[in-house]
Amino acid sequence: MTGENQAKQLVIVPSRPEWATRFQALAAPLRAALPGVTLHHIGSTAVPGLSAKDVIDIQIGLPDLSAAPGVLAVLAALNYEPRPSVTHDHHPPGLRLSPPELRKAYARRAQQVHVHIREAGRFNHRYPLLMRDYLRASPAAAAAYGEVKVQLARLHPHDVDAYYAVKDPAMDLITAGAEHWAARVDWQLPPGDA
């Protein structure tokens, strides 16, 4: 466990109706400063009724991730703290994915906002949107996932690494089921969130 991860307290709170409004307030200046980009509210705060960390996750979809440095510069001007290098998302076990499918850039703001910049259409761009939409359509799956997070935070309140070591595979299980749901309902990548 890293020193940075030891200092963090994991707190999962019941769903808050203001999360959707917070996303809209955060998205407005991003849309103005980055015309033409696709913005989505992702993560647990994007699923009504789902317990979550009080963090708004925003996904910016770019046609080409090589544009990410310019987007990070705009985010820095809007008081976001950009991470200087391209990183990679979690690689679900059992899937053969090339590194470009998991590449992203990232920035955050002290007021608990994370911005994930991904190449539109890549695996890691699709994954959070599929999971979000599936959990919105399946309250039982959302409630079970929320309980997993509540219990992980209870058992490991100061160990972010242990929390994600279990949460990420739990998300992979949910997303495997979501793939069947997506095929059944002909789910498509949604347009940006208004």
N, C-alpha and C. Protein backbone atom coordinates (compact mmCIF):
# COMPACT_ATOMS: atom_id res chain seq x y z
N MET A 1 0.85 -1.18 0.00
CA MET A 1 0.00 0.00 0.00
C MET A 1 0.89 1.24 0.00
N THR A 2 0.59 2.19 -0.89
CA THR A 2 1.40 3.39 -0.97
C THR A 2 1.03 4.36 0.13
N GLY A 3 1.94 5.29 0.44
CA GLY A 3 1.67 6.29 1.46
C GLY A 3 0.47 7.15 1.11
N GLU A 4 0.33 7.52 -0.17
CA GLU A 4 -0.82 8.32 -0.61
C GLU A 4 -2.11 7.56 -0.37
N ASN A 5 -2.11 6.26 -0.64
CA ASN A 5 -3.33 5.48 -0.47
C ASN A 5 -3.66 5.23 0.99
N GLN A 6 -2.65 5.23 1.89
CA GLN A 6 -2.92 5.06 3.31
C GLN A 6 -3.65 6.27 3.87
N ALA A 7 -3.40 7.47 3.34
CA ALA A 7 -3.98 8.68 3.89
C ALA A 7 -5.45 8.85 3.52
N LYS A 8 -5.91 8.20 2.47
CA LYS A 8 -7.28 8.37 2.00
C LYS A 8 -8.25 7.56 2.86
N GLN A 9 -9.37 8.17 3.16
CA GLN A 9 -10.45 7.49 3.87
C GLN A 9 -11.52 7.15 2.85
N LEU A 10 -11.85 5.88 2.75
CA LEU A 10 -12.90 5.45 1.83
C LEU A 10 -14.25 5.66 2.50
N VAL A 11 -15.08 6.46 1.87
CA VAL A 11 -16.41 6.72 2.39
C VAL A 11 -17.41 6.52 1.26
N ILE A 12 -18.32 5.59 1.44
CA ILE A 12 -19.39 5.34 0.49
C ILE A 12 -20.66 5.91 1.10
N VAL A 13 -21.34 6.76 0.35
CA VAL A 13 -22.54 7.41 0.86
C VAL A 13 -23.76 6.96 0.04
N PRO A 14 -24.95 7.06 0.63
CA PRO A 14 -26.15 6.76 -0.16
C PRO A 14 -26.27 7.72 -1.34
N SER A 15 -26.97 7.28 -2.36
CA SER A 15 -27.18 8.09 -3.56
C SER A 15 -27.72 9.47 -3.20
N ARG A 16 -27.22 10.47 -3.91
CA ARG A 16 -27.66 11.85 -3.67
C ARG A 16 -28.26 12.42 -4.96
N PRO A 17 -29.46 12.95 -4.89
CA PRO A 17 -30.09 13.47 -6.10
C PRO A 17 -29.31 14.62 -6.73
N GLU A 18 -28.54 15.33 -5.94
CA GLU A 18 -27.80 16.48 -6.49
C GLU A 18 -26.61 16.08 -7.37
N TRP A 19 -26.24 14.81 -7.43
CA TRP A 19 -25.11 14.41 -8.26
C TRP A 19 -25.36 14.74 -9.73
N ALA A 20 -26.57 14.52 -10.22
CA ALA A 20 -26.87 14.84 -11.63
C ALA A 20 -26.74 16.34 -11.87
N THR A 21 -27.20 17.14 -10.93
CA THR A 21 -27.11 18.60 -11.06
C THR A 21 -25.65 19.05 -10.99
N ARG A 22 -24.87 18.44 -10.11
CA ARG A 22 -23.44 18.77 -10.03
C ARG A 22 -22.75 18.46 -11.35
N PHE A 23 -23.07 17.29 -11.95
CA PHE A 23 -22.47 16.97 -13.24
C PHE A 23 -22.80 18.06 -14.26
N GLN A 24 -24.05 18.47 -14.35
CA GLN A 24 -24.45 19.49 -15.32
C GLN A 24 -23.69 20.80 -15.09
N ALA A 25 -23.55 21.19 -13.83
CA ALA A 25 -22.82 22.43 -13.51
C ALA A 25 -21.35 22.32 -13.89
N LEU A 26 -20.75 21.16 -13.70
CA LEU A 26 -19.35 20.95 -14.06
C LEU A 26 -19.17 20.84 -15.57
N ALA A 27 -20.15 20.23 -16.24
CA ALA A 27 -20.04 20.01 -17.68
C ALA A 27 -20.18 21.30 -18.48
N ALA A 28 -20.97 22.25 -18.01
CA ALA A 28 -21.23 23.48 -18.77
C ALA A 28 -19.94 24.22 -19.16
N PRO A 29 -19.04 24.52 -18.21
CA PRO A 29 -17.81 25.22 -18.62
C PRO A 29 -16.89 24.35 -19.48
N LEU A 30 -16.95 23.02 -19.28
CA LEU A 30 -16.14 22.13 -20.12
C LEU A 30 -16.63 22.18 -21.57
N ARG A 31 -17.95 22.15 -21.76
CA ARG A 31 -18.51 22.23 -23.11
C ARG A 31 -18.14 23.55 -23.78
N ALA A 32 -18.19 24.63 -23.00
CA ALA A 32 -17.87 25.94 -23.55
C ALA A 32 -16.40 26.03 -23.95
N ALA A 33 -15.52 25.46 -23.13
CA ALA A 33 -14.09 25.55 -23.39
C ALA A 33 -13.59 24.51 -24.38
N LEU A 34 -14.36 23.43 -24.55
CA LEU A 34 -13.95 22.33 -25.43
C LEU A 34 -15.09 22.02 -26.40
N PRO A 35 -15.40 22.94 -27.30
CA PRO A 35 -16.53 22.69 -28.20
C PRO A 35 -16.28 21.46 -29.06
N GLY A 36 -17.34 20.68 -29.22
CA GLY A 36 -17.24 19.51 -30.07
C GLY A 36 -16.83 18.23 -29.37
N VAL A 37 -16.39 18.29 -28.12
CA VAL A 37 -16.03 17.05 -27.43
C VAL A 37 -17.30 16.40 -26.88
N THR A 38 -17.24 15.11 -26.67
CA THR A 38 -18.36 14.38 -26.10
C THR A 38 -18.11 14.18 -24.61
N LEU A 39 -19.09 14.62 -23.81
CA LEU A 39 -19.00 14.49 -22.35
C LEU A 39 -20.07 13.52 -21.86
N HIS A 40 -19.67 12.67 -20.91
CA HIS A 40 -20.60 11.76 -20.26
C HIS A 40 -20.39 11.78 -18.76
N HIS A 41 -21.48 11.67 -18.03
CA HIS A 41 -21.43 11.45 -16.58
C HIS A 41 -21.30 9.94 -16.41
N ILE A 42 -20.20 9.49 -15.83
CA ILE A 42 -19.95 8.06 -15.66
C ILE A 42 -19.75 7.76 -14.18
N GLY A 43 -19.51 6.52 -13.87
CA GLY A 43 -19.25 6.13 -12.50
C GLY A 43 -20.55 5.98 -11.71
N SER A 44 -20.41 5.65 -10.46
CA SER A 44 -21.57 5.33 -9.63
C SER A 44 -22.48 6.51 -9.38
N THR A 45 -21.95 7.74 -9.37
CA THR A 45 -22.82 8.90 -9.15
C THR A 45 -23.73 9.15 -10.35
N ALA A 46 -23.49 8.48 -11.46
CA ALA A 46 -24.34 8.61 -12.64
C ALA A 46 -25.50 7.62 -12.64
N VAL A 47 -25.58 6.79 -11.61
CA VAL A 47 -26.64 5.78 -11.53
C VAL A 47 -27.56 6.13 -10.35
N PRO A 48 -28.76 6.62 -10.63
CA PRO A 48 -29.68 6.96 -9.53
C PRO A 48 -29.89 5.77 -8.60
N GLY A 49 -29.82 6.07 -7.30
CA GLY A 49 -30.05 5.04 -6.29
C GLY A 49 -28.82 4.24 -5.89
N LEU A 50 -27.69 4.44 -6.57
CA LEU A 50 -26.49 3.65 -6.28
C LEU A 50 -25.62 4.36 -5.26
N SER A 51 -25.24 3.67 -4.20
CA SER A 51 -24.30 4.22 -3.22
C SER A 51 -22.95 4.42 -3.89
N ALA A 52 -22.23 5.46 -3.46
CA ALA A 52 -20.99 5.81 -4.16
C ALA A 52 -20.09 6.67 -3.28
N LYS A 53 -18.85 6.78 -3.71
CA LYS A 53 -17.99 7.83 -3.18
C LYS A 53 -18.55 9.14 -3.73
N ASP A 54 -18.45 10.19 -2.99
CA ASP A 54 -18.99 11.49 -3.42
C ASP A 54 -18.02 12.15 -4.41
N VAL A 55 -17.87 11.50 -5.56
CA VAL A 55 -16.96 11.96 -6.61
C VAL A 55 -17.72 11.93 -7.94
N ILE A 56 -17.72 13.03 -8.63
CA ILE A 56 -18.33 13.08 -9.96
C ILE A 56 -17.26 12.71 -10.98
N ASP A 57 -17.55 11.66 -11.75
CA ASP A 57 -16.65 11.24 -12.82
C ASP A 57 -17.22 11.70 -14.15
N ILE A 58 -16.37 12.37 -14.92
CA ILE A 58 -16.75 12.86 -16.24
C ILE A 58 -15.83 12.20 -17.25
N GLN A 59 -16.41 11.70 -18.33
CA GLN A 59 -15.62 11.13 -19.41
C GLN A 59 -15.68 12.07 -20.61
N ILE A 60 -14.51 12.39 -21.13
CA ILE A 60 -14.40 13.14 -22.38
C ILE A 60 -13.95 12.16 -23.44
N GLY A 61 -14.76 12.03 -24.49
CA GLY A 61 -14.41 11.15 -25.60
C GLY A 61 -13.82 11.97 -26.74
N LEU A 62 -12.63 11.60 -27.15
CA LEU A 62 -11.94 12.29 -28.25
C LEU A 62 -11.83 11.36 -29.45
N PRO A 63 -11.88 11.91 -30.65
CA PRO A 63 -11.68 11.07 -31.83
C PRO A 63 -10.29 10.44 -31.86
N ASP A 64 -9.31 11.12 -31.27
CA ASP A 64 -7.92 10.65 -31.25
C ASP A 64 -7.30 11.10 -29.94
N LEU A 65 -6.74 10.17 -29.18
CA LEU A 65 -6.16 10.51 -27.88
C LEU A 65 -4.93 11.40 -27.99
N SER A 66 -4.37 11.55 -29.19
CA SER A 66 -3.23 12.46 -29.36
C SER A 66 -3.62 13.91 -29.08
N ALA A 67 -4.92 14.21 -29.06
CA ALA A 67 -5.39 15.56 -28.73
C ALA A 67 -5.45 15.80 -27.22
N ALA A 68 -5.18 14.79 -26.42
CA ALA A 68 -5.30 14.91 -24.97
C ALA A 68 -4.43 16.01 -24.35
N PRO A 69 -3.18 16.25 -24.80
CA PRO A 69 -2.42 17.34 -24.17
C PRO A 69 -3.11 18.69 -24.27
N GLY A 70 -3.74 18.97 -25.41
CA GLY A 70 -4.47 20.23 -25.54
C GLY A 70 -5.67 20.29 -24.61
N VAL A 71 -6.35 19.17 -24.45
CA VAL A 71 -7.50 19.12 -23.53
C VAL A 71 -7.02 19.29 -22.10
N LEU A 72 -5.91 18.66 -21.75
CA LEU A 72 -5.36 18.82 -20.39
C LEU A 72 -4.97 20.26 -20.11
N ALA A 73 -4.45 20.97 -21.11
CA ALA A 73 -4.10 22.39 -20.94
C ALA A 73 -5.35 23.22 -20.67
N VAL A 74 -6.43 22.93 -21.38
CA VAL A 74 -7.70 23.63 -21.15
C VAL A 74 -8.20 23.31 -19.75
N LEU A 75 -8.13 22.05 -19.34
CA LEU A 75 -8.57 21.67 -18.00
C LEU A 75 -7.74 22.37 -16.93
N ALA A 76 -6.45 22.49 -17.15
CA ALA A 76 -5.59 23.19 -16.18
C ALA A 76 -6.04 24.64 -16.02
N ALA A 77 -6.42 25.28 -17.13
CA ALA A 77 -6.90 26.67 -17.07
C ALA A 77 -8.23 26.77 -16.33
N LEU A 78 -8.96 25.66 -16.25
CA LEU A 78 -10.24 25.61 -15.52
C LEU A 78 -10.06 25.06 -14.10
N ASN A 79 -8.83 25.08 -13.61
CA ASN A 79 -8.49 24.68 -12.23
C ASN A 79 -8.60 23.18 -11.97
N TYR A 80 -8.38 22.38 -13.02
CA TYR A 80 -8.23 20.95 -12.83
C TYR A 80 -6.74 20.65 -12.78
N GLU A 81 -6.40 19.63 -12.03
CA GLU A 81 -5.00 19.20 -11.91
C GLU A 81 -4.76 18.05 -12.89
N PRO A 82 -4.08 18.34 -14.01
CA PRO A 82 -3.85 17.25 -14.97
C PRO A 82 -2.75 16.32 -14.50
N ARG A 83 -2.90 15.04 -14.82
CA ARG A 83 -1.82 14.09 -14.61
C ARG A 83 -0.95 14.18 -15.86
N PRO A 84 0.35 14.32 -15.70
CA PRO A 84 1.20 14.67 -16.83
C PRO A 84 1.37 13.61 -17.91
N SER A 85 1.12 12.36 -17.59
CA SER A 85 1.38 11.34 -18.61
C SER A 85 0.13 10.52 -18.87
N VAL A 86 0.10 9.90 -20.03
CA VAL A 86 -0.99 9.01 -20.38
C VAL A 86 -0.88 7.77 -19.50
N THR A 87 -1.99 7.32 -18.99
CA THR A 87 -2.02 6.13 -18.14
C THR A 87 -2.87 5.05 -18.83
N HIS A 88 -3.06 3.97 -18.14
CA HIS A 88 -3.87 2.87 -18.67
C HIS A 88 -4.91 2.47 -17.62
N ASP A 89 -6.10 2.14 -18.10
CA ASP A 89 -7.16 1.66 -17.23
C ASP A 89 -6.92 0.20 -16.88
N HIS A 90 -7.66 -0.26 -15.91
CA HIS A 90 -7.68 -1.66 -15.47
C HIS A 90 -7.94 -2.57 -16.67
N HIS A 91 -7.18 -3.66 -16.75
CA HIS A 91 -7.34 -4.65 -17.82
C HIS A 91 -8.11 -5.85 -17.26
N PRO A 92 -9.38 -6.00 -17.66
CA PRO A 92 -10.16 -7.13 -17.12
C PRO A 92 -9.52 -8.47 -17.45
N PRO A 93 -9.42 -9.36 -16.48
CA PRO A 93 -8.84 -10.69 -16.72
C PRO A 93 -9.64 -11.43 -17.80
N GLY A 94 -8.92 -12.21 -18.58
CA GLY A 94 -9.57 -13.03 -19.59
C GLY A 94 -9.80 -12.35 -20.92
N LEU A 95 -9.58 -11.04 -20.99
CA LEU A 95 -9.75 -10.32 -22.25
C LEU A 95 -8.39 -10.02 -22.86
N ARG A 96 -8.29 -10.19 -24.15
CA ARG A 96 -7.06 -9.83 -24.86
C ARG A 96 -7.27 -8.45 -25.49
N LEU A 97 -6.65 -7.47 -24.88
CA LEU A 97 -6.80 -6.09 -25.34
C LEU A 97 -5.44 -5.49 -25.61
N SER A 98 -5.31 -4.78 -26.71
CA SER A 98 -4.06 -4.11 -27.01
C SER A 98 -3.96 -2.85 -26.14
N PRO A 99 -2.75 -2.37 -25.88
CA PRO A 99 -2.58 -1.19 -25.02
C PRO A 99 -3.41 0.03 -25.44
N PRO A 100 -3.58 0.32 -26.75
CA PRO A 100 -4.40 1.49 -27.09
C PRO A 100 -5.85 1.39 -26.61
N GLU A 101 -6.36 0.17 -26.40
CA GLU A 101 -7.74 0.01 -25.93
C GLU A 101 -7.92 0.47 -24.49
N LEU A 102 -6.82 0.64 -23.75
CA LEU A 102 -6.90 0.99 -22.33
C LEU A 102 -6.23 2.32 -21.99
N ARG A 103 -5.69 3.02 -22.98
CA ARG A 103 -4.98 4.28 -22.72
C ARG A 103 -5.96 5.40 -22.38
N LYS A 104 -5.52 6.28 -21.47
CA LYS A 104 -6.33 7.45 -21.14
C LYS A 104 -5.44 8.55 -20.57
N ALA A 105 -5.98 9.74 -20.56
CA ALA A 105 -5.39 10.87 -19.84
C ALA A 105 -6.37 11.20 -18.72
N TYR A 106 -5.90 11.97 -17.74
CA TYR A 106 -6.70 12.12 -16.52
C TYR A 106 -6.40 13.47 -15.87
N ALA A 107 -7.43 14.06 -15.30
CA ALA A 107 -7.28 15.27 -14.50
C ALA A 107 -8.30 15.21 -13.37
N ARG A 108 -8.05 15.98 -12.32
CA ARG A 108 -9.01 16.01 -11.23
C ARG A 108 -9.04 17.38 -10.59
N ARG A 109 -10.05 17.59 -9.80
CA ARG A 109 -10.21 18.85 -9.08
C ARG A 109 -10.43 18.52 -7.62
N ALA A 110 -9.95 19.40 -6.75
CA ALA A 110 -10.02 19.14 -5.31
C ALA A 110 -11.45 18.91 -4.82
N GLN A 111 -12.42 19.49 -5.50
CA GLN A 111 -13.81 19.32 -5.06
C GLN A 111 -14.38 17.97 -5.49
N GLN A 112 -13.55 16.97 -5.58
CA GLN A 112 -14.01 15.60 -5.86
C GLN A 112 -14.61 15.45 -7.25
N VAL A 113 -13.85 15.86 -8.25
CA VAL A 113 -14.23 15.68 -9.64
C VAL A 113 -13.07 15.02 -10.37
N HIS A 114 -13.35 13.93 -11.08
CA HIS A 114 -12.34 13.23 -11.87
C HIS A 114 -12.75 13.30 -13.33
N VAL A 115 -11.81 13.66 -14.19
CA VAL A 115 -12.07 13.73 -15.63
C VAL A 115 -11.19 12.68 -16.31
N HIS A 116 -11.84 11.77 -17.01
CA HIS A 116 -11.17 10.69 -17.73
C HIS A 116 -11.26 11.02 -19.22
N ILE A 117 -10.12 11.11 -19.87
CA ILE A 117 -10.08 11.45 -21.30
C ILE A 117 -9.70 10.18 -22.04
N ARG A 118 -10.62 9.72 -22.89
CA ARG A 118 -10.41 8.46 -23.59
C ARG A 118 -10.73 8.63 -25.07
N GLU A 119 -10.18 7.73 -25.85
CA GLU A 119 -10.47 7.75 -27.28
C GLU A 119 -11.82 7.09 -27.53
N ALA A 120 -12.71 7.83 -28.18
CA ALA A 120 -14.07 7.35 -28.43
C ALA A 120 -14.04 6.03 -29.20
N GLY A 121 -14.86 5.10 -28.74
CA GLY A 121 -14.97 3.80 -29.40
C GLY A 121 -14.03 2.74 -28.88
N ARG A 122 -13.02 3.12 -28.13
CA ARG A 122 -12.10 2.14 -27.56
C ARG A 122 -12.79 1.38 -26.43
N PHE A 123 -12.21 0.26 -26.04
CA PHE A 123 -12.77 -0.57 -24.98
C PHE A 123 -13.02 0.25 -23.71
N ASN A 124 -12.01 1.03 -23.28
CA ASN A 124 -12.15 1.74 -22.01
C ASN A 124 -13.10 2.93 -22.09
N HIS A 125 -13.43 3.39 -23.28
CA HIS A 125 -14.45 4.43 -23.46
C HIS A 125 -15.84 3.80 -23.34
N ARG A 126 -16.00 2.63 -23.91
CA ARG A 126 -17.29 1.93 -23.93
C ARG A 126 -17.64 1.34 -22.57
N TYR A 127 -16.65 0.78 -21.86
CA TYR A 127 -16.85 0.04 -20.61
C TYR A 127 -17.66 0.83 -19.57
N PRO A 128 -17.27 2.07 -19.22
CA PRO A 128 -18.03 2.77 -18.18
C PRO A 128 -19.44 3.17 -18.63
N LEU A 129 -19.62 3.38 -19.94
CA LEU A 129 -20.94 3.74 -20.43
C LEU A 129 -21.87 2.52 -20.42
N LEU A 130 -21.34 1.38 -20.82
CA LEU A 130 -22.13 0.15 -20.77
C LEU A 130 -22.51 -0.18 -19.33
N MET A 131 -21.53 -0.10 -18.43
CA MET A 131 -21.82 -0.42 -17.03
C MET A 131 -22.86 0.55 -16.46
N ARG A 132 -22.69 1.83 -16.72
CA ARG A 132 -23.64 2.83 -16.22
C ARG A 132 -25.05 2.53 -16.72
N ASP A 133 -25.19 2.33 -18.02
CA ASP A 133 -26.52 2.13 -18.60
C ASP A 133 -27.15 0.82 -18.13
N TYR A 134 -26.33 -0.22 -17.99
CA TYR A 134 -26.85 -1.49 -17.48
C TYR A 134 -27.33 -1.34 -16.03
N LEU A 135 -26.54 -0.68 -15.19
CA LEU A 135 -26.94 -0.52 -13.80
C LEU A 135 -28.18 0.37 -13.68
N ARG A 136 -28.32 1.34 -14.57
CA ARG A 136 -29.55 2.15 -14.58
C ARG A 136 -30.76 1.28 -14.92
N ALA A 137 -30.57 0.30 -15.79
CA ALA A 137 -31.67 -0.56 -16.23
C ALA A 137 -31.91 -1.74 -15.29
N SER A 138 -30.98 -2.01 -14.37
CA SER A 138 -31.09 -3.16 -13.49
C SER A 138 -30.89 -2.76 -12.03
N PRO A 139 -31.95 -2.29 -11.38
CA PRO A 139 -31.81 -1.85 -9.97
C PRO A 139 -31.27 -2.93 -9.05
N ALA A 140 -31.58 -4.22 -9.30
CA ALA A 140 -31.07 -5.29 -8.43
C ALA A 140 -29.55 -5.39 -8.54
N ALA A 141 -29.02 -5.31 -9.76
CA ALA A 141 -27.56 -5.35 -9.95
C ALA A 141 -26.92 -4.12 -9.32
N ALA A 142 -27.57 -2.96 -9.48
CA ALA A 142 -27.02 -1.73 -8.89
C ALA A 142 -26.99 -1.82 -7.37
N ALA A 143 -28.05 -2.36 -6.77
CA ALA A 143 -28.08 -2.49 -5.31
C ALA A 143 -27.01 -3.45 -4.82
N ALA A 144 -26.81 -4.56 -5.53
CA ALA A 144 -25.77 -5.52 -5.13
C ALA A 144 -24.39 -4.90 -5.26
N TYR A 145 -24.15 -4.19 -6.34
CA TYR A 145 -22.86 -3.52 -6.54
C TYR A 145 -22.63 -2.47 -5.46
N GLY A 146 -23.66 -1.72 -5.13
CA GLY A 146 -23.54 -0.73 -4.06
C GLY A 146 -23.17 -1.37 -2.74
N GLU A 147 -23.76 -2.53 -2.46
CA GLU A 147 -23.46 -3.23 -1.21
C GLU A 147 -22.02 -3.74 -1.20
N VAL A 148 -21.51 -4.21 -2.34
CA VAL A 148 -20.11 -4.61 -2.43
C VAL A 148 -19.22 -3.44 -2.03
N LYS A 149 -19.50 -2.26 -2.55
CA LYS A 149 -18.67 -1.09 -2.24
C LYS A 149 -18.79 -0.68 -0.78
N VAL A 150 -19.99 -0.71 -0.24
CA VAL A 150 -20.19 -0.37 1.17
C VAL A 150 -19.38 -1.30 2.06
N GLN A 151 -19.45 -2.60 1.79
CA GLN A 151 -18.74 -3.57 2.61
C GLN A 151 -17.22 -3.46 2.44
N LEU A 152 -16.77 -3.22 1.22
CA LEU A 152 -15.33 -3.04 1.01
C LEU A 152 -14.81 -1.83 1.78
N ALA A 153 -15.56 -0.73 1.74
CA ALA A 153 -15.14 0.47 2.48
C ALA A 153 -15.17 0.22 3.98
N ARG A 154 -16.12 -0.57 4.44
CA ARG A 154 -16.19 -0.91 5.87
C ARG A 154 -15.00 -1.78 6.28
N LEU A 155 -14.68 -2.77 5.44
CA LEU A 155 -13.59 -3.70 5.76
C LEU A 155 -12.20 -3.09 5.56
N HIS A 156 -12.07 -2.18 4.61
CA HIS A 156 -10.77 -1.59 4.28
C HIS A 156 -10.87 -0.07 4.20
N PRO A 157 -11.25 0.60 5.28
CA PRO A 157 -11.52 2.04 5.20
C PRO A 157 -10.30 2.90 4.87
N HIS A 158 -9.11 2.37 5.06
CA HIS A 158 -7.90 3.15 4.78
C HIS A 158 -7.00 2.47 3.76
N ASP A 159 -7.50 1.50 3.04
CA ASP A 159 -6.68 0.77 2.09
C ASP A 159 -7.33 0.80 0.70
N VAL A 160 -7.03 1.85 -0.04
CA VAL A 160 -7.59 2.05 -1.38
C VAL A 160 -7.19 0.91 -2.31
N ASP A 161 -5.97 0.41 -2.15
CA ASP A 161 -5.51 -0.68 -3.01
C ASP A 161 -6.36 -1.94 -2.80
N ALA A 162 -6.66 -2.28 -1.55
CA ALA A 162 -7.50 -3.46 -1.27
C ALA A 162 -8.91 -3.25 -1.80
N TYR A 163 -9.43 -2.05 -1.66
CA TYR A 163 -10.76 -1.72 -2.17
C TYR A 163 -10.85 -2.00 -3.68
N TYR A 164 -9.90 -1.46 -4.44
CA TYR A 164 -9.93 -1.64 -5.90
C TYR A 164 -9.54 -3.06 -6.32
N ALA A 165 -8.75 -3.75 -5.51
CA ALA A 165 -8.38 -5.12 -5.85
C ALA A 165 -9.61 -6.03 -5.92
N VAL A 166 -10.66 -5.69 -5.18
CA VAL A 166 -11.91 -6.46 -5.22
C VAL A 166 -12.95 -5.76 -6.10
N LYS A 167 -13.04 -4.44 -6.01
CA LYS A 167 -14.07 -3.71 -6.76
C LYS A 167 -13.90 -3.87 -8.27
N ASP A 168 -12.68 -3.79 -8.78
CA ASP A 168 -12.47 -3.90 -10.23
C ASP A 168 -12.95 -5.25 -10.78
N PRO A 169 -12.59 -6.39 -10.17
CA PRO A 169 -13.13 -7.65 -10.68
C PRO A 169 -14.65 -7.75 -10.52
N ALA A 170 -15.22 -7.15 -9.46
CA ALA A 170 -16.68 -7.14 -9.32
C ALA A 170 -17.31 -6.38 -10.48
N MET A 171 -16.70 -5.26 -10.87
CA MET A 171 -17.17 -4.50 -12.03
C MET A 171 -17.06 -5.35 -13.30
N ASP A 172 -15.99 -6.09 -13.43
CA ASP A 172 -15.82 -6.95 -14.61
C ASP A 172 -16.93 -7.99 -14.69
N LEU A 173 -17.31 -8.57 -13.56
CA LEU A 173 -18.41 -9.54 -13.53
C LEU A 173 -19.72 -8.89 -13.98
N ILE A 174 -19.98 -7.70 -13.45
CA ILE A 174 -21.20 -6.99 -13.83
C ILE A 174 -21.18 -6.67 -15.32
N THR A 175 -20.05 -6.22 -15.82
CA THR A 175 -19.97 -5.84 -17.22
C THR A 175 -20.09 -7.06 -18.13
N ALA A 176 -19.61 -8.21 -17.69
CA ALA A 176 -19.80 -9.43 -18.50
C ALA A 176 -21.29 -9.70 -18.67
N GLY A 177 -22.06 -9.54 -17.60
CA GLY A 177 -23.51 -9.69 -17.70
C GLY A 177 -24.13 -8.57 -18.52
N ALA A 178 -23.57 -7.38 -18.40
CA ALA A 178 -24.09 -6.23 -19.16
C ALA A 178 -23.94 -6.44 -20.66
N GLU A 179 -22.92 -7.18 -21.06
CA GLU A 179 -22.73 -7.46 -22.49
C GLU A 179 -23.92 -8.25 -23.04
N HIS A 180 -24.41 -9.20 -22.28
CA HIS A 180 -25.59 -9.97 -22.70
C HIS A 180 -26.83 -9.07 -22.79
N TRP A 181 -26.98 -8.21 -21.79
CA TRP A 181 -28.09 -7.25 -21.79
C TRP A 181 -27.98 -6.35 -23.01
N ALA A 182 -26.77 -5.85 -23.31
CA ALA A 182 -26.57 -4.94 -24.44
C ALA A 182 -26.97 -5.59 -25.75
N ALA A 183 -26.62 -6.86 -25.91
CA ALA A 183 -26.98 -7.58 -27.14
C ALA A 183 -28.50 -7.76 -27.22
N ARG A 184 -29.12 -8.03 -26.09
CA ARG A 184 -30.57 -8.27 -26.06
C ARG A 184 -31.36 -7.00 -26.39
N VAL A 185 -30.90 -5.84 -25.89
CA VAL A 185 -31.64 -4.59 -26.08
C VAL A 185 -31.07 -3.75 -27.22
N ASP A 186 -30.05 -4.27 -27.93
CA ASP A 186 -29.37 -3.54 -29.00
C ASP A 186 -28.82 -2.20 -28.50
N TRP A 187 -28.14 -2.24 -27.36
CA TRP A 187 -27.53 -1.05 -26.77
C TRP A 187 -26.45 -0.50 -27.70
N GLN A 188 -26.40 0.79 -27.83
CA GLN A 188 -25.39 1.48 -28.62
C GLN A 188 -24.71 2.53 -27.75
N LEU A 189 -23.51 2.94 -28.12
CA LEU A 189 -22.86 4.04 -27.40
C LEU A 189 -23.78 5.25 -27.40
N PRO A 190 -24.05 5.80 -26.23
CA PRO A 190 -24.96 6.94 -26.18
C PRO A 190 -24.28 8.24 -26.63
N PRO A 191 -25.08 9.18 -27.16
CA PRO A 191 -24.50 10.49 -27.45
C PRO A 191 -24.09 11.15 -26.13
N GLY A 192 -23.42 12.25 -26.21
CA GLY A 192 -23.01 12.94 -24.98
C GLY A 192 -24.20 13.28 -24.09
N ASP A 193 -23.93 13.39 -22.80
CA ASP A 193 -24.98 13.75 -21.85
C ASP A 193 -25.23 15.25 -21.93
N ALA A 194 -26.50 15.61 -22.01
CA ALA A 194 -26.87 17.03 -22.14
C ALA A 194 -26.61 17.78 -20.86
